[in-house]
Each structure stands twice: as C-alpha cells, then as structure tokens.
C-alpha cells in the first residue's frame, strides 16, 4: 500500500476546508459564553460571591433563565463539535436548529433584565417587598445589605438581632435599588452584547454545514444511474452470447504410473486392472508399464 503511493491517509488530516475551520471557531465561541453563563449561575446558586443571596431572592427568575440558556448553549456546543469533527451533516443540521432556541433564550434574558431595570424599578421593588417577598426572604436581604425594613425599621421589617424598632440601620430601599440597578444592568448588557455574535454563529452554521467536506451531497450515485438486477443480467447475456454454441472441452483423465517395491516386483494400479476386463488386457497393460520404466518384461524372474 505504501509502495503504491497511497499511504495511510495521514496526510489528509490537515486538509480541512475553510468552512470546517469556520465551524470550529464558531462552536468554540458558543462554548466560551455558554460555560461563562453556567459558571456564573452555579456560583450564584451556591452563594460564593458577596450579595449573591440577594440575587437569589430578588432576581430568581432571571437566574433560572441564565441557567437554562447556558445549559442549552453547552448542549448545542457538544452537538456542533461532534458534527464538525465527524463530518456529519445530519448532526450539523441539528446543531443549526438548536442555535435558534438558544438565541431566543439569550434575548429573553436581556429583555426581562432591561425591562425590570429601566421602567419604575423603585415601584417594582416596593411592590415585591410588600407582596412577594416572604419573611425569610426579607431577612436574607437585610442581613446581606445590612439594613432594616424597606423605608425604615417600622416598614415591613423582618425582626432579627440587628433589626428591631430602634435600630440605627437604614431602610433597604436605597441599597437594594443600587444593587438591582447594577446587577440587572450588567445582565442585560451582556445578553444584548452576545446577540450579534450568536446571529453570526447561526449564519456560519447555515452556510458551512453542507460544506464540511469536499463531497457534493451525500456521495451516493443518483437513482437514475444505479444498476438493477435486469441490467446486470442483460450485460451478462451480452458478454456470454458469443460463447453459447461452443461446447466445453473435456479434460483427459490422469493415469498413474506403476511403481516397484523394494524386492523388485512391480505394483500395478488396481484401477487399471479393474478396467482391464480380461487377462489379455491385463497382460498388455503390465507389459506396457514395464516397457515405460525401461525394463524387459521377460527378464522379471532374473530380477
């Protein structure tokens, strides 16, 4: 195989098409912002950074959306990477399809965060503090922001060692408003910044999925050019037609020469004896065999 110049096919590893390189780069960018969102959501769920518990209470819906969108992006990355490495166009078609709900999830995150941050945030926080937050939720916010009540200690406060009627702590409205304005602003800015990049990834997937290899289509023979059983039989009859009247040549039967034992007596093939028919034919056969060996048939007794 090597002598014929075919090689082992290792020289074809670097011969990737430009479309395949574009797909690899596109899938890598999806992995980057997908894993970034998942790491942020996991760190927030486990409250590993300061005031993460406030976001767990005030923006739990946005946190759930970030987790789901990041998981969907990582799933899309796995499908896209598998399809690109394996040159599988069906997998790349699924990858291009999964990019649409993942992009929609990113847009929803940005829209919810922007709407909450921009339009009457203070009134929304006042309503949430009075109607939605439970007593443990208020206590978590008060302990994290070091405040008591919403306007003051007498307005829907959660009693604790630091929060009581005559506490010197201020209300949570100002600090909660600043925290929400900052965190929500960072969320919708990051989400809307990813939208153009994600649209570019969708275009790359649509344009390059069918060109991951140099093979046109599926590499199968079109149906109109495929051979059927009738075509094969017709070709066989056309080839064997001139040889049909010719009778096959009969091969001659092989004859076995006789051999002599150590005492000088000749061994005659028993098949020849059976085929002889009578004693005269056996004698003539015996004489011809001895003559073929260069011996005189009348000198047998002397030997």
Protein backbone atom coordinates (compact mmCIF):
# COMPACT_ATOMS: atom_id res chain seq x y z
CA UNK A 1 0.00 0.00 0.00
CA UNK A 2 2.85 2.36 0.83
CA UNK A 3 4.79 1.29 -2.28
CA UNK A 4 1.84 2.14 -4.49
CA UNK A 5 1.87 5.70 -3.13
CA UNK A 6 -1.49 5.55 -1.38
CA UNK A 7 -0.06 5.92 2.13
CA UNK A 8 -2.03 5.58 5.32
CA UNK A 9 -4.18 8.64 4.77
CA UNK A 10 -2.42 10.66 7.49
CA UNK A 11 -1.56 13.42 5.04
CA UNK A 12 -5.27 14.26 4.75
CA UNK A 13 -5.69 15.32 8.38
CA UNK A 14 -4.62 18.90 7.73
CA UNK A 15 -6.72 19.21 4.58
CA UNK A 16 -9.75 20.77 6.24
CA UNK A 17 -11.96 23.04 4.24
CA UNK A 18 -12.27 26.71 5.16
CA UNK A 19 -15.89 26.02 6.07
CA UNK A 20 -14.81 23.43 8.62
CA UNK A 21 -12.39 25.89 10.23
CA UNK A 22 -15.18 28.47 10.43
CA UNK A 23 -17.42 25.92 12.13
CA UNK A 24 -14.71 25.06 14.66
CA UNK A 25 -14.24 28.73 15.56
CA UNK A 26 -17.99 29.29 15.77
CA UNK A 27 -18.54 26.28 18.03
CA UNK A 28 -15.65 27.42 20.25
CA UNK A 29 -17.24 30.84 20.81
CA UNK A 30 -20.52 29.16 21.78
CA UNK A 31 -18.63 27.09 24.32
CA UNK A 32 -16.98 30.20 25.78
CA UNK A 33 -20.12 32.20 26.57
CA UNK A 34 -22.10 29.08 27.41
CA UNK A 35 -19.63 27.94 30.06
CA UNK A 36 -19.28 31.52 31.33
CA UNK A 37 -23.03 31.77 31.93
CA UNK A 38 -23.17 28.36 33.59
CA UNK A 39 -20.26 29.17 35.92
CA UNK A 40 -21.90 32.46 36.90
CA UNK A 41 -25.24 30.79 37.62
CA UNK A 42 -23.67 27.96 39.64
CA UNK A 43 -21.61 30.41 41.71
CA UNK A 44 -24.76 32.43 42.34
CA UNK A 45 -26.82 29.40 43.32
CA UNK A 46 -24.19 28.37 45.85
CA UNK A 47 -23.76 31.99 47.06
CA UNK A 48 -19.99 32.08 46.61
CA UNK A 49 -19.69 35.81 45.89
CA UNK A 50 -20.83 38.75 48.06
CA UNK A 51 -24.55 39.59 47.93
CA UNK A 52 -25.29 36.56 45.74
CA UNK A 53 -28.12 35.66 48.12
CA UNK A 54 -29.81 38.98 47.26
CA UNK A 55 -29.95 37.97 43.60
CA UNK A 56 -31.30 34.55 44.64
CA UNK A 57 -34.24 36.35 46.24
CA UNK A 58 -34.82 39.41 44.05
CA UNK A 59 -33.96 38.00 40.59
CA UNK A 60 -34.64 34.29 40.90
CA UNK A 61 -36.45 34.19 37.54
CA UNK A 62 -33.52 35.73 35.68
CA UNK A 63 -31.13 33.33 37.39
CA UNK A 64 -33.22 30.37 36.24
CA UNK A 65 -33.25 31.71 32.68
CA UNK A 66 -29.46 32.12 32.71
CA UNK A 67 -29.02 28.54 33.91
CA UNK A 68 -31.33 27.11 31.26
CA UNK A 69 -29.82 29.19 28.46
CA UNK A 70 -26.27 28.21 29.45
CA UNK A 71 -27.19 24.53 29.57
CA UNK A 72 -28.79 24.80 26.15
CA UNK A 73 -25.69 26.50 24.76
CA UNK A 74 -23.43 23.74 26.09
CA UNK A 75 -25.69 21.09 24.57
CA UNK A 76 -25.54 22.96 21.27
CA UNK A 77 -21.76 23.10 21.54
CA UNK A 78 -21.49 19.33 22.04
CA UNK A 79 -23.70 18.60 19.04
CA UNK A 80 -21.86 21.09 16.85
CA UNK A 81 -18.41 19.85 17.84
CA UNK A 82 -19.39 16.23 17.23
CA UNK A 83 -20.83 17.05 13.83
CA UNK A 84 -17.77 19.06 12.81
CA UNK A 85 -15.18 16.50 13.91
CA UNK A 86 -17.11 13.54 12.48
CA UNK A 87 -18.04 15.38 9.25
CA UNK A 88 -21.68 14.52 9.97
CA UNK A 89 -24.09 16.75 8.13
CA UNK A 90 -27.17 15.45 9.99
CA UNK A 91 -25.57 16.41 13.31
CA UNK A 92 -24.68 19.82 11.92
CA UNK A 93 -28.28 20.26 10.82
CA UNK A 94 -29.41 19.55 14.40
CA UNK A 95 -26.74 21.98 15.63
CA UNK A 96 -28.04 24.74 13.35
CA UNK A 97 -31.57 24.04 14.60
CA UNK A 98 -30.56 24.21 18.28
CA UNK A 99 -28.96 27.61 17.80
CA UNK A 100 -32.39 29.24 17.37
CA UNK A 101 -33.92 28.41 20.79
CA UNK A 102 -30.57 29.15 22.43
CA UNK A 103 -30.51 32.60 20.82
CA UNK A 104 -34.12 33.18 21.83
CA UNK A 105 -33.23 32.36 25.44
CA UNK A 106 -30.44 34.96 25.37
CA UNK A 107 -32.83 37.60 24.02
CA UNK A 108 -35.42 36.77 26.70
CA UNK A 109 -32.81 37.20 29.45
CA UNK A 110 -31.80 40.60 28.12
CA UNK A 111 -35.40 41.74 27.64
CA UNK A 112 -36.54 40.78 31.16
CA UNK A 113 -33.49 42.36 32.81
CA UNK A 114 -33.73 45.55 30.74
CA UNK A 115 -37.46 46.00 31.34
CA UNK A 116 -37.11 45.49 35.09
CA UNK A 117 -34.11 47.80 35.37
CA UNK A 118 -35.37 50.64 33.20
CA UNK A 119 -39.07 51.08 33.94
CA UNK A 120 -40.10 52.05 37.51
CA UNK A 121 -37.59 49.89 39.34
CA UNK A 122 -38.28 51.56 42.71
CA UNK A 123 -42.02 50.85 42.50
CA UNK A 124 -41.38 47.25 41.50
CA UNK A 125 -39.09 46.77 44.49
CA UNK A 126 -41.66 48.35 46.81
CA UNK A 127 -44.37 46.01 45.50
CA UNK A 128 -42.11 42.97 45.70
CA UNK A 129 -41.08 43.79 49.28
CA UNK A 130 -44.68 44.12 50.43
CA UNK A 131 -46.39 41.42 48.36
CA UNK A 132 -43.90 38.84 47.07
CA UNK A 133 -41.01 38.53 49.50
CA UNK A 134 -41.63 36.25 52.45
CA UNK A 135 -40.26 36.88 55.92
CA UNK A 136 -37.17 34.69 55.33
CA UNK A 137 -36.54 36.49 52.02
CA UNK A 138 -36.60 39.90 53.73
CA UNK A 139 -34.31 38.60 56.43
CA UNK A 140 -31.79 37.41 53.82
CA UNK A 141 -31.77 40.81 52.10
CA UNK A 142 -31.46 42.68 55.43
CA UNK A 143 -28.53 40.55 56.59
CA UNK A 144 -26.73 40.80 53.25
CA UNK A 145 -27.21 44.55 52.71
CA UNK A 146 -27.01 45.41 56.45
CA UNK A 147 -30.33 47.29 56.51
CA UNK A 148 -33.71 47.00 58.27
CA UNK A 149 -37.16 47.29 56.69
CA UNK A 150 -37.84 48.86 53.33
CA UNK A 151 -38.17 52.56 54.12
CA UNK A 152 -37.21 52.22 57.78
CA UNK A 153 -37.30 49.69 60.61
CA UNK A 154 -41.07 50.10 61.05
CA UNK A 155 -41.97 49.29 57.42
CA UNK A 156 -42.38 45.52 56.87
CA UNK A 157 -39.14 44.62 58.62
CA UNK A 158 -38.07 41.07 59.47
CA UNK A 159 -37.11 41.08 63.18
CA UNK A 160 -33.61 39.89 64.00
CA UNK A 161 -30.72 40.67 66.34
CA UNK A 162 -29.70 43.58 64.12
CA UNK A 163 -33.16 44.71 63.00
CA UNK A 164 -35.53 45.99 65.69
CA UNK A 165 -37.70 49.06 66.27
CA UNK A 166 -34.97 51.48 67.38
CA UNK A 167 -32.09 50.11 65.28
CA UNK A 168 -29.68 52.64 63.80
CA UNK A 169 -29.70 50.76 60.49
CA UNK A 170 -31.24 52.46 57.47
CA UNK A 171 -34.01 51.04 55.30
CA UNK A 172 -33.18 48.65 52.46
CA UNK A 173 -34.74 50.71 49.67
CA UNK A 174 -31.63 52.66 48.66
CA UNK A 175 -29.14 49.79 48.87
CA UNK A 176 -31.47 47.30 47.21
CA UNK A 177 -32.20 49.78 44.43
CA UNK A 178 -28.49 50.36 43.74
CA UNK A 179 -27.75 46.63 43.80
CA UNK A 180 -30.60 45.83 41.41
CA UNK A 181 -29.68 48.67 39.07
CA UNK A 182 -26.08 47.49 38.88
CA UNK A 183 -26.72 43.73 38.61
CA UNK A 184 -29.62 44.00 36.15
CA UNK A 185 -27.66 46.47 34.03
CA UNK A 186 -24.74 44.04 33.81
CA UNK A 187 -27.07 41.17 32.88
CA UNK A 188 -28.93 42.87 30.04
CA UNK A 189 -25.76 44.49 28.69
CA UNK A 190 -24.01 41.11 28.48
CA UNK A 191 -27.08 39.43 26.97
CA UNK A 192 -27.61 42.01 24.24
CA UNK A 193 -23.88 42.08 23.50
CA UNK A 194 -24.00 38.34 22.77
CA UNK A 195 -26.91 38.63 20.32
CA UNK A 196 -24.85 39.82 17.28
CA UNK A 197 -22.24 37.13 17.92
CA UNK A 198 -24.92 34.48 18.20
CA UNK A 199 -26.57 35.65 14.97
CA UNK A 200 -23.16 35.36 13.29
CA UNK A 201 -22.85 31.81 14.61
CA UNK A 202 -26.26 30.98 13.13
CA UNK A 203 -25.18 32.32 9.73
CA UNK A 204 -21.93 30.32 9.88
CA UNK A 205 -23.86 27.16 10.71
CA UNK A 206 -26.32 27.69 7.85
CA UNK A 207 -23.64 28.50 5.28
CA UNK A 208 -20.96 25.98 6.27
CA UNK A 209 -22.85 22.91 7.49
CA UNK A 210 -23.15 21.40 3.98
CA UNK A 211 -19.52 22.16 3.10
CA UNK A 212 -17.74 20.49 6.00
CA UNK A 213 -16.20 18.12 3.40
CA UNK A 214 -15.47 18.42 -0.32
CA UNK A 215 -18.01 15.72 -1.16
CA UNK A 216 -21.03 17.00 -3.06
CA UNK A 217 -24.29 15.92 -1.48
CA UNK A 218 -24.25 12.56 0.28
CA UNK A 219 -21.74 10.98 -2.08
CA UNK A 220 -24.31 8.46 -3.40
CA UNK A 221 -24.94 7.53 -7.03
CA UNK A 222 -28.14 9.15 -8.34
CA UNK A 223 -31.02 6.72 -8.61
CA UNK A 224 -31.35 7.03 -12.37
CA UNK A 225 -27.73 5.85 -12.83
CA UNK A 226 -27.86 2.86 -10.50
CA UNK A 227 -27.68 -0.70 -11.92
CA UNK A 228 -30.63 -3.01 -11.36
CA UNK A 229 -30.78 -6.81 -11.49
CA UNK A 230 -32.18 -6.71 -15.01
CA UNK A 231 -29.27 -4.54 -16.17
CA UNK A 232 -26.73 -6.98 -14.74
CA UNK A 233 -28.43 -9.97 -16.39
CA UNK A 234 -28.57 -8.16 -19.74
CA UNK A 235 -24.87 -7.34 -19.56
CA UNK A 236 -24.05 -10.96 -18.65
CA UNK A 237 -26.04 -12.27 -21.63
CA UNK A 238 -24.34 -9.78 -23.92
CA UNK A 239 -20.89 -10.90 -22.76
CA UNK A 240 -21.59 -14.65 -22.77
CA UNK A 241 -23.61 -14.59 -26.01
CA UNK A 242 -20.76 -15.42 -28.49
CA UNK A 243 -19.61 -18.36 -26.34
CA UNK A 244 -23.02 -20.04 -26.02
CA UNK A 245 -22.71 -22.51 -29.09
CA UNK A 246 -19.20 -23.63 -28.15
CA UNK A 247 -19.16 -26.98 -26.33
CA UNK A 248 -16.88 -27.20 -23.30
CA UNK A 249 -13.59 -29.08 -23.74
CA UNK A 250 -13.39 -32.36 -21.84
CA UNK A 251 -10.26 -32.79 -19.81
CA UNK A 252 -8.41 -36.14 -20.25
CA UNK A 253 -8.26 -38.45 -17.28
CA UNK A 254 -4.95 -38.62 -15.46
CA UNK A 255 -3.15 -42.03 -15.48
CA UNK A 256 -0.90 -43.06 -12.66
CA UNK A 257 2.40 -44.79 -13.44
CA UNK A 258 3.16 -48.04 -11.59
CA UNK A 259 5.96 -48.28 -9.07
CA UNK A 260 8.08 -51.20 -7.82
CA UNK A 261 8.64 -52.27 -4.26
CA UNK A 262 11.96 -52.97 -2.60
CA UNK A 263 12.03 -56.62 -3.83
CA UNK A 264 11.76 -55.66 -7.46
CA UNK A 265 8.15 -56.65 -8.05
CA UNK A 266 6.05 -54.14 -9.88
CA UNK A 267 2.96 -52.57 -8.40
CA UNK A 268 0.14 -52.23 -10.82
CA UNK A 269 -2.57 -49.65 -10.38
CA UNK A 270 -5.67 -51.59 -9.23
CA UNK A 271 -7.94 -49.19 -11.10
CA UNK A 272 -6.20 -50.18 -14.32
CA UNK A 273 -6.68 -53.87 -13.52
CA UNK A 274 -10.37 -53.43 -12.82
CA UNK A 275 -10.76 -51.53 -16.05
CA UNK A 276 -8.90 -54.25 -17.97
CA UNK A 277 -11.78 -56.63 -18.47
CA UNK A 278 -9.83 -59.93 -19.16
CA UNK A 279 -6.37 -61.46 -18.70
CA UNK A 280 -5.12 -60.44 -22.12
CA UNK A 281 -5.79 -56.81 -21.46
CA UNK A 282 -4.13 -57.09 -18.05
CA UNK A 283 -1.01 -58.68 -19.61
CA UNK A 284 -0.72 -55.99 -22.25
CA UNK A 285 -1.13 -53.30 -19.59
CA UNK A 286 1.58 -54.91 -17.47
CA UNK A 287 3.93 -55.15 -20.45
CA UNK A 288 3.41 -51.51 -21.42
CA UNK A 289 4.09 -50.32 -17.88
CA UNK A 290 7.37 -52.27 -17.65
CA UNK A 291 8.44 -51.03 -21.04
CA UNK A 292 7.72 -47.47 -19.92
CA UNK A 293 10.07 -47.97 -16.98
CA UNK A 294 12.88 -49.23 -19.24
CA UNK A 295 12.67 -52.90 -18.14
CA UNK A 296 12.39 -56.07 -20.20
CA UNK A 297 9.10 -57.78 -19.38
CA UNK A 298 10.69 -61.25 -20.00
CA UNK A 299 13.52 -60.58 -17.53
CA UNK A 300 11.25 -60.37 -14.48
CA UNK A 301 12.42 -63.65 -12.95
CA UNK A 302 16.06 -62.67 -13.27
CA UNK A 303 15.43 -59.52 -11.30
